[in-house]
Amino acid sequence: MNQQYYDATVKMEQAGVDPDFIEGWQSGYVMNPPREEQRSSEAYEAGYEDGKARNMENYSNWAGK
């Protein structure tokens, strides 16, 4: 991993972001296959798409959820 990955993860955890969003972001960032449909959630899918794009602009939408 690189420093951006770790910094982003720490920032999201400190902001109280939904754990599903964080896991999705991490999976998308490293290009893992997405979760199977029955285990997926709206937060995971949003995080996965942001992680694939290496986008850190939307995580605050999932803080405190």
PDB file of N, CA and C in Angstrom:
ATOM      1  N   MET A   1       0.836  -1.182   0.000  1.00  0.00           N
ATOM      2  CA  MET A   1       0.000   0.000   0.000  1.00  0.00           C
ATOM      3  C   MET A   1       0.882   1.246   0.000  1.00  0.00           C
ATOM      4  N   ASN A   2       0.248   2.347  -0.258  1.00  0.00           N
ATOM      5  CA  ASN A   2       0.997   3.599  -0.233  1.00  0.00           C
ATOM      6  C   ASN A   2       0.472   4.493   0.889  1.00  0.00           C
ATOM      7  N   GLN A   3       1.129   5.594   1.087  1.00  0.00           N
ATOM      8  CA  GLN A   3       0.777   6.492   2.195  1.00  0.00           C
ATOM      9  C   GLN A   3      -0.623   7.082   2.016  1.00  0.00           C
ATOM     10  N   GLN A   4      -1.038   7.335   0.782  1.00  0.00           N
ATOM     11  CA  GLN A   4      -2.376   7.894   0.538  1.00  0.00           C
ATOM     12  C   GLN A   4      -3.458   6.950   1.069  1.00  0.00           C
ATOM     13  N   TYR A   5      -3.276   5.661   0.850  1.00  0.00           N
ATOM     14  CA  TYR A   5      -4.229   4.653   1.318  1.00  0.00           C
ATOM     15  C   TYR A   5      -4.345   4.706   2.846  1.00  0.00           C
ATOM     16  N   TYR A   6      -3.219   4.682   3.523  1.00  0.00           N
ATOM     17  CA  TYR A   6      -3.231   4.712   4.983  1.00  0.00           C
ATOM     18  C   TYR A   6      -3.774   6.026   5.529  1.00  0.00           C
ATOM     19  N   ASP A   7      -3.360   7.137   4.954  1.00  0.00           N
ATOM     20  CA  ASP A   7      -3.841   8.441   5.410  1.00  0.00           C
ATOM     21  C   ASP A   7      -5.352   8.562   5.237  1.00  0.00           C
ATOM     22  N   ALA A   8      -5.857   8.094   4.113  1.00  0.00           N
ATOM     23  CA  ALA A   8      -7.299   8.160   3.851  1.00  0.00           C
ATOM     24  C   ALA A   8      -8.070   7.287   4.836  1.00  0.00           C
ATOM     25  N   THR A   9      -7.563   6.089   5.090  1.00  0.00           N
ATOM     26  CA  THR A   9      -8.231   5.189   6.029  1.00  0.00           C
ATOM     27  C   THR A   9      -8.288   5.801   7.424  1.00  0.00           C
ATOM     28  N   VAL A  10      -7.184   6.345   7.896  1.00  0.00           N
ATOM     29  CA  VAL A  10      -7.145   6.965   9.226  1.00  0.00           C
ATOM     30  C   VAL A  10      -8.102   8.150   9.282  1.00  0.00           C
ATOM     31  N   LYS A  11      -8.107   8.964   8.249  1.00  0.00           N
ATOM     32  CA  LYS A  11      -8.975  10.138   8.207  1.00  0.00           C
ATOM     33  C   LYS A  11     -10.447   9.725   8.283  1.00  0.00           C
ATOM     34  N   MET A  12     -10.827   8.700   7.532  1.00  0.00           N
ATOM     35  CA  MET A  12     -12.215   8.238   7.559  1.00  0.00           C
ATOM     36  C   MET A  12     -12.580   7.632   8.909  1.00  0.00           C
ATOM     37  N   GLU A  13     -11.681   6.853   9.484  1.00  0.00           N
ATOM     38  CA  GLU A  13     -11.954   6.255  10.795  1.00  0.00           C
ATOM     39  C   GLU A  13     -12.118   7.336  11.860  1.00  0.00           C
ATOM     40  N   GLN A  14     -11.265   8.340  11.834  1.00  0.00           N
ATOM     41  CA  GLN A  14     -11.349   9.422  12.821  1.00  0.00           C
ATOM     42  C   GLN A  14     -12.616  10.243  12.648  1.00  0.00           C
ATOM     43  N   ALA A  15     -13.142  10.318  11.431  1.00  0.00           N
ATOM     44  CA  ALA A  15     -14.360  11.073  11.167  1.00  0.00           C
ATOM     45  C   ALA A  15     -15.619  10.270  11.502  1.00  0.00           C
ATOM     46  N   GLY A  16     -15.456   9.012  11.874  1.00  0.00           N
ATOM     47  CA  GLY A  16     -16.600   8.168  12.223  1.00  0.00           C
ATOM     48  C   GLY A  16     -17.414   7.729  11.021  1.00  0.00           C
ATOM     49  N   VAL A  17     -16.735   7.500   9.912  1.00  0.00           N
ATOM     50  CA  VAL A  17     -17.401   7.076   8.681  1.00  0.00           C
ATOM     51  C   VAL A  17     -17.899   5.644   8.824  1.00  0.00           C
ATOM     52  N   ASP A  18     -19.041   5.371   8.211  1.00  0.00           N
ATOM     53  CA  ASP A  18     -19.646   4.033   8.213  1.00  0.00           C
ATOM     54  C   ASP A  18     -18.586   2.994   7.827  1.00  0.00           C
ATOM     55  N   PRO A  19     -18.404   1.967   8.644  1.00  0.00           N
ATOM     56  CA  PRO A  19     -17.388   0.941   8.346  1.00  0.00           C
ATOM     57  C   PRO A  19     -17.578   0.271   6.987  1.00  0.00           C
ATOM     58  N   ASP A  20     -18.821   0.125   6.533  1.00  0.00           N
ATOM     59  CA  ASP A  20     -19.054  -0.461   5.213  1.00  0.00           C
ATOM     60  C   ASP A  20     -18.495   0.434   4.114  1.00  0.00           C
ATOM     61  N   PHE A  21     -18.631   1.743   4.265  1.00  0.00           N
ATOM     62  CA  PHE A  21     -18.071   2.667   3.281  1.00  0.00           C
ATOM     63  C   PHE A  21     -16.552   2.531   3.248  1.00  0.00           C
ATOM     64  N   ILE A  22     -15.941   2.488   4.419  1.00  0.00           N
ATOM     65  CA  ILE A  22     -14.480   2.372   4.493  1.00  0.00           C
ATOM     66  C   ILE A  22     -14.014   1.080   3.834  1.00  0.00           C
ATOM     67  N   GLU A  23     -14.684  -0.025   4.160  1.00  0.00           N
ATOM     68  CA  GLU A  23     -14.286  -1.305   3.568  1.00  0.00           C
ATOM     69  C   GLU A  23     -14.468  -1.277   2.055  1.00  0.00           C
ATOM     70  N   GLY A  24     -15.545  -0.669   1.591  1.00  0.00           N
ATOM     71  CA  GLY A  24     -15.755  -0.543   0.151  1.00  0.00           C
ATOM     72  C   GLY A  24     -14.687   0.311  -0.497  1.00  0.00           C
ATOM     73  N   TRP A  25     -14.351   1.432   0.152  1.00  0.00           N
ATOM     74  CA  TRP A  25     -13.318   2.323  -0.384  1.00  0.00           C
ATOM     75  C   TRP A  25     -11.988   1.581  -0.482  1.00  0.00           C
ATOM     76  N   GLN A  26     -11.630   0.863   0.566  1.00  0.00           N
ATOM     77  CA  GLN A  26     -10.372   0.124   0.566  1.00  0.00           C
ATOM     78  C   GLN A  26     -10.361  -0.937  -0.531  1.00  0.00           C
ATOM     79  N   SER A  27     -11.465  -1.655  -0.688  1.00  0.00           N
ATOM     80  CA  SER A  27     -11.536  -2.700  -1.716  1.00  0.00           C
ATOM     81  C   SER A  27     -11.439  -2.103  -3.111  1.00  0.00           C
ATOM     82  N   GLY A  28     -12.125  -1.009  -3.343  1.00  0.00           N
ATOM     83  CA  GLY A  28     -12.058  -0.361  -4.644  1.00  0.00           C
ATOM     84  C   GLY A  28     -10.684   0.205  -4.930  1.00  0.00           C
ATOM     85  N   TYR A  29     -10.062   0.772  -3.906  1.00  0.00           N
ATOM     86  CA  TYR A  29      -8.735   1.378  -4.065  1.00  0.00           C
ATOM     87  C   TYR A  29      -7.707   0.368  -4.547  1.00  0.00           C
ATOM     88  N   VAL A  30      -7.764  -0.833  -3.990  1.00  0.00           N
ATOM     89  CA  VAL A  30      -6.781  -1.865  -4.367  1.00  0.00           C
ATOM     90  C   VAL A  30      -7.314  -2.780  -5.471  1.00  0.00           C
ATOM     91  N   MET A  31      -8.471  -2.420  -6.034  1.00  0.00           N
ATOM     92  CA  MET A  31      -9.075  -3.136  -7.159  1.00  0.00           C
ATOM     93  C   MET A  31      -9.439  -4.582  -6.834  1.00  0.00           C
ATOM     94  N   ASN A  32      -9.886  -4.831  -5.602  1.00  0.00           N
ATOM     95  CA  ASN A  32     -10.414  -6.148  -5.254  1.00  0.00           C
ATOM     96  C   ASN A  32     -11.767  -6.314  -5.933  1.00  0.00           C
ATOM     97  N   PRO A  33     -12.188  -7.546  -6.173  1.00  0.00           N
ATOM     98  CA  PRO A  33     -13.552  -7.733  -6.685  1.00  0.00           C
ATOM     99  C   PRO A  33     -14.555  -7.269  -5.624  1.00  0.00           C
ATOM    100  N   PRO A  34     -15.680  -6.717  -6.046  1.00  0.00           N
ATOM    101  CA  PRO A  34     -16.671  -6.266  -5.058  1.00  0.00           C
ATOM    102  C   PRO A  34     -17.299  -7.438  -4.309  1.00  0.00           C
ATOM    103  N   ARG A  35     -17.926  -7.110  -3.180  1.00  0.00           N
ATOM    104  CA  ARG A  35     -18.645  -8.123  -2.399  1.00  0.00           C
ATOM    105  C   ARG A  35     -19.751  -8.736  -3.248  1.00  0.00           C
ATOM    106  N   GLU A  36     -20.146  -9.939  -2.859  1.00  0.00           N
ATOM    107  CA  GLU A  36     -21.282 -10.545  -3.524  1.00  0.00           C
ATOM    108  C   GLU A  36     -22.547  -9.758  -3.147  1.00  0.00           C
ATOM    109  N   GLU A  37     -23.526  -9.823  -4.007  1.00  0.00           N
ATOM    110  CA  GLU A  37     -24.717  -8.973  -3.914  1.00  0.00           C
ATOM    111  C   GLU A  37     -25.425  -9.046  -2.560  1.00  0.00           C
ATOM    112  N   GLN A  38     -25.543 -10.226  -1.988  1.00  0.00           N
ATOM    113  CA  GLN A  38     -26.279 -10.366  -0.729  1.00  0.00           C
ATOM    114  C   GLN A  38     -25.549  -9.748   0.466  1.00  0.00           C
ATOM    115  N   ARG A  39     -24.262  -9.482   0.343  1.00  0.00           N
ATOM    116  CA  ARG A  39     -23.498  -8.872   1.441  1.00  0.00           C
ATOM    117  C   ARG A  39     -23.222  -7.398   1.209  1.00  0.00           C
ATOM    118  N   SER A  40     -23.641  -6.886   0.067  1.00  0.00           N
ATOM    119  CA  SER A  40     -23.363  -5.504  -0.288  1.00  0.00           C
ATOM    120  C   SER A  40     -24.360  -4.568   0.387  1.00  0.00           C
ATOM    121  N   SER A  41     -24.004  -3.307   0.474  1.00  0.00           N
ATOM    122  CA  SER A  41     -24.896  -2.287   1.024  1.00  0.00           C
ATOM    123  C   SER A  41     -24.681  -1.007   0.236  1.00  0.00           C
ATOM    124  N   GLU A  42     -25.563  -0.059   0.438  1.00  0.00           N
ATOM    125  CA  GLU A  42     -25.435   1.226  -0.246  1.00  0.00           C
ATOM    126  C   GLU A  42     -24.107   1.906   0.116  1.00  0.00           C
ATOM    127  N   ALA A  43     -23.738   1.842   1.393  1.00  0.00           N
ATOM    128  CA  ALA A  43     -22.488   2.463   1.849  1.00  0.00           C
ATOM    129  C   ALA A  43     -21.285   1.773   1.203  1.00  0.00           C
ATOM    130  N   TYR A  44     -21.296   0.444   1.178  1.00  0.00           N
ATOM    131  CA  TYR A  44     -20.186  -0.298   0.578  1.00  0.00           C
ATOM    132  C   TYR A  44     -20.032   0.064  -0.893  1.00  0.00           C
ATOM    133  N   GLU A  45     -21.127   0.062  -1.626  1.00  0.00           N
ATOM    134  CA  GLU A  45     -21.064   0.346  -3.058  1.00  0.00           C
ATOM    135  C   GLU A  45     -20.572   1.771  -3.332  1.00  0.00           C
ATOM    136  N   ALA A  46     -21.024   2.730  -2.530  1.00  0.00           N
ATOM    137  CA  ALA A  46     -20.552   4.115  -2.690  1.00  0.00           C
ATOM    138  C   ALA A  46     -19.055   4.194  -2.400  1.00  0.00           C
ATOM    139  N   GLY A  47     -18.617   3.527  -1.352  1.00  0.00           N
ATOM    140  CA  GLY A  47     -17.200   3.505  -1.009  1.00  0.00           C
ATOM    141  C   GLY A  47     -16.372   2.820  -2.075  1.00  0.00           C
ATOM    142  N   TYR A  48     -16.897   1.731  -2.615  1.00  0.00           N
ATOM    143  CA  TYR A  48     -16.173   0.988  -3.641  1.00  0.00           C
ATOM    144  C   TYR A  48     -15.932   1.864  -4.878  1.00  0.00           C
ATOM    145  N   GLU A  49     -16.969   2.570  -5.305  1.00  0.00           N
ATOM    146  CA  GLU A  49     -16.830   3.441  -6.480  1.00  0.00           C
ATOM    147  C   GLU A  49     -15.849   4.583  -6.206  1.00  0.00           C
ATOM    148  N   ASP A  50     -15.922   5.167  -5.013  1.00  0.00           N
ATOM    149  CA  ASP A  50     -14.979   6.244  -4.667  1.00  0.00           C
ATOM    150  C   ASP A  50     -13.555   5.710  -4.566  1.00  0.00           C
ATOM    151  N   GLY A  51     -13.396   4.513  -4.023  1.00  0.00           N
ATOM    152  CA  GLY A  51     -12.067   3.925  -3.917  1.00  0.00           C
ATOM    153  C   GLY A  51     -11.461   3.647  -5.279  1.00  0.00           C
ATOM    154  N   LYS A  52     -12.276   3.119  -6.199  1.00  0.00           N
ATOM    155  CA  LYS A  52     -11.780   2.873  -7.555  1.00  0.00           C
ATOM    156  C   LYS A  52     -11.300   4.169  -8.202  1.00  0.00           C
ATOM    157  N   ALA A  53     -12.007   5.260  -7.923  1.00  0.00           N
ATOM    158  CA  ALA A  53     -11.655   6.558  -8.500  1.00  0.00           C
ATOM    159  C   ALA A  53     -10.621   7.290  -7.649  1.00  0.00           C
ATOM    160  N   ARG A  54     -10.259   6.683  -6.514  1.00  0.00           N
ATOM    161  CA  ARG A  54      -9.335   7.304  -5.546  1.00  0.00           C
ATOM    162  C   ARG A  54      -9.831   8.685  -5.123  1.00  0.00           C
ATOM    163  N   ASN A  55     -11.131   8.731  -4.902  1.00  0.00           N
ATOM    164  CA  ASN A  55     -11.832   9.967  -4.556  1.00  0.00           C
ATOM    165  C   ASN A  55     -12.042  10.040  -3.046  1.00  0.00           C
ATOM    166  N   MET A  56     -11.632  11.155  -2.452  1.00  0.00           N
ATOM    167  CA  MET A  56     -11.831  11.369  -1.010  1.00  0.00           C
ATOM    168  C   MET A  56     -12.823  12.499  -0.736  1.00  0.00           C
ATOM    169  N   GLU A  57     -13.629  12.867  -1.706  1.00  0.00           N
ATOM    170  CA  GLU A  57     -14.524  13.999  -1.548  1.00  0.00           C
ATOM    171  C   GLU A  57     -15.875  13.624  -0.941  1.00  0.00           C
ATOM    172  N   ASN A  58     -16.290  12.369  -1.015  1.00  0.00           N
ATOM    173  CA  ASN A  58     -17.639  12.001  -0.593  1.00  0.00           C
ATOM    174  C   ASN A  58     -17.721  11.282   0.741  1.00  0.00           C
ATOM    175  N   TYR A  59     -16.589  10.987   1.356  1.00  0.00           N
ATOM    176  CA  TYR A  59     -16.633  10.178   2.589  1.00  0.00           C
ATOM    177  C   TYR A  59     -17.413  10.857   3.703  1.00  0.00           C
ATOM    178  N   SER A  60     -17.394  12.189   3.743  1.00  0.00           N
ATOM    179  CA  SER A  60     -18.082  12.894   4.827  1.00  0.00           C
ATOM    180  C   SER A  60     -19.602  12.685   4.768  1.00  0.00           C
ATOM    181  N   ASN A  61     -20.119  12.296   3.610  1.00  0.00           N
ATOM    182  CA  ASN A  61     -21.562  11.982   3.494  1.00  0.00           C
ATOM    183  C   ASN A  61     -21.921  10.753   4.323  1.00  0.00           C
ATOM    184  N   TRP A  62     -20.918   9.955   4.666  1.00  0.00           N
ATOM    185  CA  TRP A  62     -21.143   8.712   5.398  1.00  0.00           C
ATOM    186  C   TRP A  62     -20.651   8.785   6.838  1.00  0.00           C
ATOM    187  N   ALA A  63     -20.242   9.949   7.277  1.00  0.00           N
ATOM    188  CA  ALA A  63     -19.773  10.122   8.659  1.00  0.00           C
ATOM    189  C   ALA A  63     -20.949  10.124   9.613  1.00  0.00           C
ATOM    190  N   GLY A  64     -20.784   9.437  10.719  1.00  0.00           N
ATOM    191  CA  GLY A  64     -21.808   9.416  11.755  1.00  0.00           C
ATOM    192  C   GLY A  64     -23.025   8.568  11.416  1.00  0.00           C
ATOM    193  N   LYS A  65     -22.885   7.680  10.455  1.00  0.00           N
ATOM    194  CA  LYS A  65     -24.039   6.836  10.078  1.00  0.00           C
ATOM    195  C   LYS A  65     -23.865   5.444  10.621  1.00  0.00           C
TER     196      LYS A  65
END
